Amino acid sequence: MDNVTIIGIDLAKRVFHAHGARADGCVAFRKRLTRAQLLPFLSAQPSCVVAMEACASAR
């Protein structure tokens, strides 16, 4: 997961989907994460922009 410049996260109640992109826009990773996995995953990433999108059922 090197050279990730932005991580997009689709927020939901129980499962989150993270999509990492490089500076040129190509996909670095796509991951399905539980609530327990999200914080450890993000803290292990290099410094980058994190964009969050919530669906209608996210509270």
PDB file of N, CA and C in Angstrom:
ATOM      1  N   MET A   1       0.819  -1.184   0.000  1.00  0.00           N
ATOM      2  CA  MET A   1       0.000   0.000   0.000  1.00  0.00           C
ATOM      3  C   MET A   1       0.866   1.252   0.000  1.00  0.00           C
ATOM      4  N   ASP A   2       1.935   1.223  -0.736  1.00  0.00           N
ATOM      5  CA  ASP A   2       2.833   2.370  -0.813  1.00  0.00           C
ATOM      6  C   ASP A   2       2.252   3.466  -1.698  1.00  0.00           C
ATOM      7  N   ASN A   3       2.657   4.684  -1.439  1.00  0.00           N
ATOM      8  CA  ASN A   3       2.303   5.841  -2.247  1.00  0.00           C
ATOM      9  C   ASN A   3       0.816   6.155  -2.264  1.00  0.00           C
ATOM     10  N   VAL A   4       0.092   5.805  -1.234  1.00  0.00           N
ATOM     11  CA  VAL A   4      -1.329   6.144  -1.146  1.00  0.00           C
ATOM     12  C   VAL A   4      -1.433   7.614  -0.770  1.00  0.00           C
ATOM     13  N   THR A   5      -2.189   8.386  -1.555  1.00  0.00           N
ATOM     14  CA  THR A   5      -2.342   9.807  -1.267  1.00  0.00           C
ATOM     15  C   THR A   5      -3.727  10.153  -0.740  1.00  0.00           C
ATOM     16  N   ILE A   6      -4.710   9.288  -1.009  1.00  0.00           N
ATOM     17  CA  ILE A   6      -6.060   9.527  -0.502  1.00  0.00           C
ATOM     18  C   ILE A   6      -6.734   8.192  -0.204  1.00  0.00           C
ATOM     19  N   ILE A   7      -7.468   8.167   0.894  1.00  0.00           N
ATOM     20  CA  ILE A   7      -8.258   6.998   1.263  1.00  0.00           C
ATOM     21  C   ILE A   7      -9.704   7.449   1.370  1.00  0.00           C
ATOM     22  N   GLY A   8     -10.551   6.826   0.594  1.00  0.00           N
ATOM     23  CA  GLY A   8     -11.982   7.101   0.659  1.00  0.00           C
ATOM     24  C   GLY A   8     -12.647   6.024   1.495  1.00  0.00           C
ATOM     25  N   ILE A   9     -13.519   6.427   2.403  1.00  0.00           N
ATOM     26  CA  ILE A   9     -14.191   5.470   3.277  1.00  0.00           C
ATOM     27  C   ILE A   9     -15.698   5.654   3.161  1.00  0.00           C
ATOM     28  N   ASP A  10     -16.367   4.562   2.862  1.00  0.00           N
ATOM     29  CA  ASP A  10     -17.830   4.541   2.853  1.00  0.00           C
ATOM     30  C   ASP A  10     -18.261   4.094   4.242  1.00  0.00           C
ATOM     31  N   LEU A  11     -18.891   4.986   4.975  1.00  0.00           N
ATOM     32  CA  LEU A  11     -19.292   4.709   6.348  1.00  0.00           C
ATOM     33  C   LEU A  11     -20.629   3.985   6.384  1.00  0.00           C
ATOM     34  N   ALA A  12     -20.749   3.039   7.274  1.00  0.00           N
ATOM     35  CA  ALA A  12     -21.990   2.313   7.484  1.00  0.00           C
ATOM     36  C   ALA A  12     -22.068   1.925   8.957  1.00  0.00           C
ATOM     37  N   LYS A  13     -23.090   1.170   9.329  1.00  0.00           N
ATOM     38  CA  LYS A  13     -23.255   0.802  10.739  1.00  0.00           C
ATOM     39  C   LYS A  13     -22.196  -0.173  11.219  1.00  0.00           C
ATOM     40  N   ARG A  14     -21.955  -1.242  10.454  1.00  0.00           N
ATOM     41  CA  ARG A  14     -21.071  -2.299  10.934  1.00  0.00           C
ATOM     42  C   ARG A  14     -19.829  -2.526  10.087  1.00  0.00           C
ATOM     43  N   VAL A  15     -19.943  -2.354   8.782  1.00  0.00           N
ATOM     44  CA  VAL A  15     -18.834  -2.658   7.874  1.00  0.00           C
ATOM     45  C   VAL A  15     -18.494  -1.411   7.056  1.00  0.00           C
ATOM     46  N   PHE A  16     -17.210  -1.124   6.931  1.00  0.00           N
ATOM     47  CA  PHE A  16     -16.742   0.025   6.171  1.00  0.00           C
ATOM     48  C   PHE A  16     -15.976  -0.473   4.957  1.00  0.00           C
ATOM     49  N   HIS A  17     -16.037   0.280   3.878  1.00  0.00           N
ATOM     50  CA  HIS A  17     -15.269  -0.047   2.687  1.00  0.00           C
ATOM     51  C   HIS A  17     -14.261   1.073   2.482  1.00  0.00           C
ATOM     52  N   ALA A  18     -12.986   0.709   2.423  1.00  0.00           N
ATOM     53  CA  ALA A  18     -11.909   1.680   2.217  1.00  0.00           C
ATOM     54  C   ALA A  18     -11.321   1.473   0.835  1.00  0.00           C
ATOM     55  N   HIS A  19     -11.063   2.576   0.158  1.00  0.00           N
ATOM     56  CA  HIS A  19     -10.514   2.559  -1.187  1.00  0.00           C
ATOM     57  C   HIS A  19      -9.311   3.502  -1.188  1.00  0.00           C
ATOM     58  N   GLY A  20      -8.136   2.971  -1.427  1.00  0.00           N
ATOM     59  CA  GLY A  20      -6.928   3.783  -1.468  1.00  0.00           C
ATOM     60  C   GLY A  20      -6.557   4.102  -2.900  1.00  0.00           C
ATOM     61  N   ALA A  21      -6.121   5.341  -3.133  1.00  0.00           N
ATOM     62  CA  ALA A  21      -5.705   5.756  -4.474  1.00  0.00           C
ATOM     63  C   ALA A  21      -4.342   6.434  -4.412  1.00  0.00           C
ATOM     64  N   ARG A  22      -3.583   6.238  -5.459  1.00  0.00           N
ATOM     65  CA  ARG A  22      -2.270   6.884  -5.597  1.00  0.00           C
ATOM     66  C   ARG A  22      -2.453   8.265  -6.223  1.00  0.00           C
ATOM     67  N   ALA A  23      -1.382   9.027  -6.298  1.00  0.00           N
ATOM     68  CA  ALA A  23      -1.436  10.383  -6.845  1.00  0.00           C
ATOM     69  C   ALA A  23      -1.923  10.415  -8.286  1.00  0.00           C
ATOM     70  N   ASP A  24      -1.628   9.369  -9.064  1.00  0.00           N
ATOM     71  CA  ASP A  24      -2.057   9.347 -10.463  1.00  0.00           C
ATOM     72  C   ASP A  24      -3.489   8.845 -10.626  1.00  0.00           C
ATOM     73  N   GLY A  25      -4.162   8.504  -9.523  1.00  0.00           N
ATOM     74  CA  GLY A  25      -5.551   8.082  -9.557  1.00  0.00           C
ATOM     75  C   GLY A  25      -5.770   6.584  -9.634  1.00  0.00           C
ATOM     76  N   CYS A  26      -4.698   5.801  -9.802  1.00  0.00           N
ATOM     77  CA  CYS A  26      -4.896   4.348  -9.887  1.00  0.00           C
ATOM     78  C   CYS A  26      -5.148   3.756  -8.494  1.00  0.00           C
ATOM     79  N   VAL A  27      -5.831   2.642  -8.485  1.00  0.00           N
ATOM     80  CA  VAL A  27      -6.242   1.994  -7.242  1.00  0.00           C
ATOM     81  C   VAL A  27      -5.035   1.368  -6.542  1.00  0.00           C
ATOM     82  N   ALA A  28      -4.876   1.677  -5.268  1.00  0.00           N
ATOM     83  CA  ALA A  28      -3.827   1.075  -4.455  1.00  0.00           C
ATOM     84  C   ALA A  28      -4.371  -0.126  -3.687  1.00  0.00           C
ATOM     85  N   PHE A  29      -5.614  -0.003  -3.194  1.00  0.00           N
ATOM     86  CA  PHE A  29      -6.256  -1.104  -2.482  1.00  0.00           C
ATOM     87  C   PHE A  29      -7.745  -0.857  -2.366  1.00  0.00           C
ATOM     88  N   ARG A  30      -8.456  -1.926  -2.107  1.00  0.00           N
ATOM     89  CA  ARG A  30      -9.877  -1.891  -1.742  1.00  0.00           C
ATOM     90  C   ARG A  30     -10.035  -2.870  -0.595  1.00  0.00           C
ATOM     91  N   LYS A  31     -10.573  -2.405   0.520  1.00  0.00           N
ATOM     92  CA  LYS A  31     -10.693  -3.267   1.690  1.00  0.00           C
ATOM     93  C   LYS A  31     -12.069  -3.136   2.329  1.00  0.00           C
ATOM     94  N   ARG A  32     -12.527  -4.243   2.876  1.00  0.00           N
ATOM     95  CA  ARG A  32     -13.755  -4.283   3.671  1.00  0.00           C
ATOM     96  C   ARG A  32     -13.305  -4.412   5.119  1.00  0.00           C
ATOM     97  N   LEU A  33     -13.713  -3.476   5.969  1.00  0.00           N
ATOM     98  CA  LEU A  33     -13.247  -3.440   7.353  1.00  0.00           C
ATOM     99  C   LEU A  33     -14.417  -3.379   8.324  1.00  0.00           C
ATOM    100  N   THR A  34     -14.280  -4.057   9.441  1.00  0.00           N
ATOM    101  CA  THR A  34     -15.266  -3.951  10.515  1.00  0.00           C
ATOM    102  C   THR A  34     -14.917  -2.742  11.377  1.00  0.00           C
ATOM    103  N   ARG A  35     -15.796  -2.407  12.301  1.00  0.00           N
ATOM    104  CA  ARG A  35     -15.512  -1.295  13.216  1.00  0.00           C
ATOM    105  C   ARG A  35     -14.217  -1.512  13.977  1.00  0.00           C
ATOM    106  N   ALA A  36     -13.997  -2.733  14.432  1.00  0.00           N
ATOM    107  CA  ALA A  36     -12.793  -3.047  15.217  1.00  0.00           C
ATOM    108  C   ALA A  36     -11.520  -2.937  14.377  1.00  0.00           C
ATOM    109  N   GLN A  37     -11.623  -3.140  13.080  1.00  0.00           N
ATOM    110  CA  GLN A  37     -10.448  -3.110  12.207  1.00  0.00           C
ATOM    111  C   GLN A  37     -10.120  -1.708  11.683  1.00  0.00           C
ATOM    112  N   LEU A  38     -11.091  -0.800  11.679  1.00  0.00           N
ATOM    113  CA  LEU A  38     -10.918   0.491  11.017  1.00  0.00           C
ATOM    114  C   LEU A  38      -9.812   1.348  11.627  1.00  0.00           C
ATOM    115  N   LEU A  39      -9.842   1.603  12.906  1.00  0.00           N
ATOM    116  CA  LEU A  39      -8.835   2.467  13.541  1.00  0.00           C
ATOM    117  C   LEU A  39      -7.427   1.889  13.436  1.00  0.00           C
ATOM    118  N   PRO A  40      -7.207   0.610  13.744  1.00  0.00           N
ATOM    119  CA  PRO A  40      -5.852   0.063  13.564  1.00  0.00           C
ATOM    120  C   PRO A  40      -5.374   0.150  12.112  1.00  0.00           C
ATOM    121  N   PHE A  41      -6.276  -0.060  11.158  1.00  0.00           N
ATOM    122  CA  PHE A  41      -5.902   0.035   9.748  1.00  0.00           C
ATOM    123  C   PHE A  41      -5.466   1.455   9.396  1.00  0.00           C
ATOM    124  N   LEU A  42      -6.268   2.452   9.769  1.00  0.00           N
ATOM    125  CA  LEU A  42      -5.932   3.836   9.438  1.00  0.00           C
ATOM    126  C   LEU A  42      -4.668   4.308  10.139  1.00  0.00           C
ATOM    127  N   SER A  43      -4.451   3.884  11.368  1.00  0.00           N
ATOM    128  CA  SER A  43      -3.255   4.323  12.089  1.00  0.00           C
ATOM    129  C   SER A  43      -1.982   3.716  11.498  1.00  0.00           C
ATOM    130  N   ALA A  44      -2.107   2.618  10.765  1.00  0.00           N
ATOM    131  CA  ALA A  44      -0.943   1.994  10.144  1.00  0.00           C
ATOM    132  C   ALA A  44      -0.611   2.596   8.775  1.00  0.00           C
ATOM    133  N   GLN A  45      -1.487   3.474   8.246  1.00  0.00           N
ATOM    134  CA  GLN A  45      -1.266   4.063   6.929  1.00  0.00           C
ATOM    135  C   GLN A  45      -0.353   5.284   7.023  1.00  0.00           C
ATOM    136  N   PRO A  46       0.350   5.578   5.933  1.00  0.00           N
ATOM    137  CA  PRO A  46       1.145   6.810   5.916  1.00  0.00           C
ATOM    138  C   PRO A  46       0.217   8.025   5.921  1.00  0.00           C
ATOM    139  N   SER A  47       0.756   9.157   6.239  1.00  0.00           N
ATOM    140  CA  SER A  47      -0.030  10.383   6.280  1.00  0.00           C
ATOM    141  C   SER A  47      -0.635  10.661   4.909  1.00  0.00           C
ATOM    142  N   CYS A  48      -1.974  10.844   4.873  1.00  0.00           N
ATOM    143  CA  CYS A  48      -2.670  11.101   3.611  1.00  0.00           C
ATOM    144  C   CYS A  48      -4.037  11.712   3.916  1.00  0.00           C
ATOM    145  N   VAL A  49      -4.750  12.076   2.874  1.00  0.00           N
ATOM    146  CA  VAL A  49      -6.104  12.610   3.000  1.00  0.00           C
ATOM    147  C   VAL A  49      -7.069  11.449   3.183  1.00  0.00           C
ATOM    148  N   VAL A  50      -8.009  11.601   4.124  1.00  0.00           N
ATOM    149  CA  VAL A  50      -9.058  10.595   4.317  1.00  0.00           C
ATOM    150  C   VAL A  50     -10.393  11.289   4.064  1.00  0.00           C
ATOM    151  N   ALA A  51     -11.119  10.790   3.066  1.00  0.00           N
ATOM    152  CA  ALA A  51     -12.423  11.360   2.701  1.00  0.00           C
ATOM    153  C   ALA A  51     -13.494  10.363   3.106  1.00  0.00           C
ATOM    154  N   MET A  52     -14.552  10.834   3.767  1.00  0.00           N
ATOM    155  CA  MET A  52     -15.600   9.947   4.238  1.00  0.00           C
ATOM    156  C   MET A  52     -16.927  10.260   3.562  1.00  0.00           C
ATOM    157  N   GLU A  53     -17.637   9.206   3.204  1.00  0.00           N
ATOM    158  CA  GLU A  53     -18.945   9.324   2.581  1.00  0.00           C
ATOM    159  C   GLU A  53     -19.888   8.432   3.371  1.00  0.00           C
ATOM    160  N   ALA A  54     -20.994   8.983   3.813  1.00  0.00           N
ATOM    161  CA  ALA A  54     -21.938   8.212   4.611  1.00  0.00           C
ATOM    162  C   ALA A  54     -23.188   7.905   3.802  1.00  0.00           C
ATOM    163  N   CYS A  55     -23.668   6.696   3.913  1.00  0.00           N
ATOM    164  CA  CYS A  55     -24.913   6.320   3.248  1.00  0.00           C
ATOM    165  C   CYS A  55     -26.088   6.774   4.111  1.00  0.00           C
ATOM    166  N   ALA A  56     -27.267   6.652   3.595  1.00  0.00           N
ATOM    167  CA  ALA A  56     -28.457   7.126   4.294  1.00  0.00           C
ATOM    168  C   ALA A  56     -28.680   6.421   5.628  1.00  0.00           C
ATOM    169  N   SER A  57     -28.215   5.170   5.764  1.00  0.00           N
ATOM    170  CA  SER A  57     -28.458   4.439   7.007  1.00  0.00           C
ATOM    171  C   SER A  57     -27.357   4.616   8.038  1.00  0.00           C
ATOM    172  N   ALA A  58     -26.289   5.338   7.705  1.00  0.00           N
ATOM    173  CA  ALA A  58     -25.213   5.579   8.673  1.00  0.00           C
ATOM    174  C   ALA A  58     -25.709   6.552   9.739  1.00  0.00           C
ATOM    175  N   ARG A  59     -25.409   6.247  10.984  1.00  0.00           N
ATOM    176  CA  ARG A  59     -25.857   7.122  12.064  1.00  0.00           C
ATOM    177  C   ARG A  59     -24.681   7.509  12.920  1.00  0.00           C
TER     178      ARG A  59
END
